[in-house]
């Protein structure tokens, strides 16, 4: 069900209390620290833009991407927000210290996820906002109005936040960068260190307007 006015107001109040007004607008790309992803994007997630990352299979590496982003943003002293569209994120899968700079919004429906993402992106206190829609009903996601995506894109441009949308199928309309993680993790690799798994992830570009660094600095 859609987020209630009361819950939206509570989220705004929480953000205002936790992150007081400050100089904002991070610029440039935000490295994911996954070689295949950063290489495909010319250095990292472009600020002020939406990037779609498709994990075509459940074990396609989407959780590894989130873990690497947590580590990279913490090392850079940046804040990150995770809008968890199906309440699937497991904080126990990463070390506690990597959660200190994270705002995690747990949702139970895509409508709640989009409402929360809009608030967080416009808040402008984050280098990255991850909108994880994996696990949400595809038939519901397909009914998302184009205007919803357009509003999120305009918000990202205005606040210079890098927005990473994680999906299980091609979903975001007219997205400048769409990457597909298509390297399933075999049972033999499940016990490997996460860093080794991340370095071995394969990615292909379905759609890309990547240009030199001047574009990423947009």
Foldseek 3Di string as FASTA:
>chain_A
DADDPVVLVVVLVVCCVVPPDDDFADFFFQQLLQVQVCVVQVGHQFFLFEAEEAAQDPQLCPLLSVQSSLVRCVVVVFAEEEQAACQPDDPVVHDPVSCPRYHYHYHHAVNHLLSVLLSVLLVRRGQEYERECEPHDVVRLQPDDLVSLVSSSNSRNVSRHRYYYYYNDDHNPPGQWYKYFDDGDDPVCPPPPSSVVSNPTHIDTPHHPRDHRVVSRD
